[in-house]
Amino acid sequence: MAAGKGTRMKSNLPKVLHRLAGKPLLQHVLETAARLGPHPVTVVTGHGADRVDPIVVAHGARPVLQQPQLGTGHAVAQALPHLGQEGITLILNGDVPLIDAETARALVEACGGEQLALLTIVLADPGGYGRILREDGSARVLGIVEHKDATAAQRAIGEVYTGILAAPTAMLRRWVGALTNDNAQREYYLTDIVAMAVGQGVPVVARQVADEAEVLGVNSPLQLADLERRLQRRQAEALLEAGVRMADPARFDLRGELHTGLDVEIDVGCIFEGRVHLGDGVRIGAHCVIRDAVIEAGAVIHPYTHIDGAHVGPDALVGPYARLRTGADIGPEVHIGNFVEIKNSTLARGAKANHLAYLGDTTVGERVNFGAGSITANYDGANKHRTVIGADAHIGSNCVLVAPVTIGEGGTVGGGSTIAKDTPPGQLTVARAKQVTIAGWSRPVKPAKKT
């Protein structure tokens, strides 16, 4: 179910599209559902359906519009025409993103096609949740009372309904069809089916979940931020258990997949997005942002480096304050220093660009030294062109290599040169204006201010 507006989010973005660990809340739930292998998956949408539906379809599910939104029971009623006549229906919530697939599978098994199975949890502060009503001295569930309709005694109950249930589909059809809106909110509560099941002699079972984070919903930015930290802590602890050395698991963010080898070290404030692989012995300095990258064994990424869609070879040194963009392929033992940007370029073993440089659409040979302040001018305003720098070449400081151009192997480009033609191997090439001193010249002087 993903039809709610999410008024407390105070946002124009539909609530289920707010991001947790880099993904929309709804995407987390859809991915969990996919691991269960159900068919079909139906998502009830409503507020912002034009923005929610594309995500639903992209994950192989069917969107069904609930308009207007008249409660959870009304939402399920919209989905029923698209469900089978038999089998088991599992109901999840688009704003409860961390439900584990194994927990959901266990609930389906508890249903077994013959019982109504509810997922519950005991909370120290159950405010806002529907309370589980049990027969005195028995585990038998008699019903659920919504918080707004509960008496003071009922509100003191700590066990609450999480909004997740599994029911025999044929029975669910019958129960939902009999719902009324005789309550304080004038809505059709799905929770009323519990009393119907009890009245018809259908067993109602409750399965308690231990991890609160699995069933916490998101209704406000504060709750979203709380869940983010819970999830990040969970991910950090899993990495620590796998052997990663992490300076502070409270200052770590993973917004995708992170695969690590042995003896990996991660300093504080780092963000990993997309798919990232860190080889054995990799060290990541503080406050780095790394997305869709492979960093091979022994490489060191110094603080404040940004890597996006790049490959870093073994024993390379990158940063601090470096930027590797899409297509950057940094070879073994390469040095990329502070305020160096690399895009769609290959640097072979031992090459160095240590200071204040830009290499775009460039092939750099082994042991090249690319000087401070130098750039490859790869864009002519319409097309990109490639620069090739042969092995053992030396590019002096403050040079501009105007692509397309090739620097011969072992050649040297003198500092301050603008090179627009190929240079020969093993030779010094200088292209700059002759230095001139003009005698008797003086700087302009501002006129004296009138008093």
Foldseek 3Di string as FASTA:
>chain_A
DQADQLVQAVDLDRQQQDDFLQGGLQVLVLVLVVVLPDPDAEAEYERPCVPVVVVQVVSVHHYFYDPPAFEDLSSVVRCLVVDDQWDKDKDDYSQLRQAHSVVSVVQSVVQVLQAKEFEKAFDPQCPQFWAFDADVPDQFTQFTHGNVQDDPVRNVHRIGTLRIIMHTSNLSNVLSVPFFQPDPSSGGYSRVVSNVCVVVVGGYHYDYDDDPSNRDGDSYPVSSVVSSQVVQLVVLVVVVVVAEAEQDSSQEGRSAAEAEEHCEYEYGNEYEHHYEYYEACEYEEHNEYEYCEYEYAQEYEYPCEYEYQEYAEHNEYAEDCEYEYRLEYHYHPEYHYHCEYEENEYAYAQEYEHECEYEYQEYHEHNEYAEHQEYEQQDPPDDGAYEYEAALEYEYHNEYEYPPEYEAALEYEDHNAYHDYYHYHNYYDYHDDDDDDDPPDDDDDDDDDDD
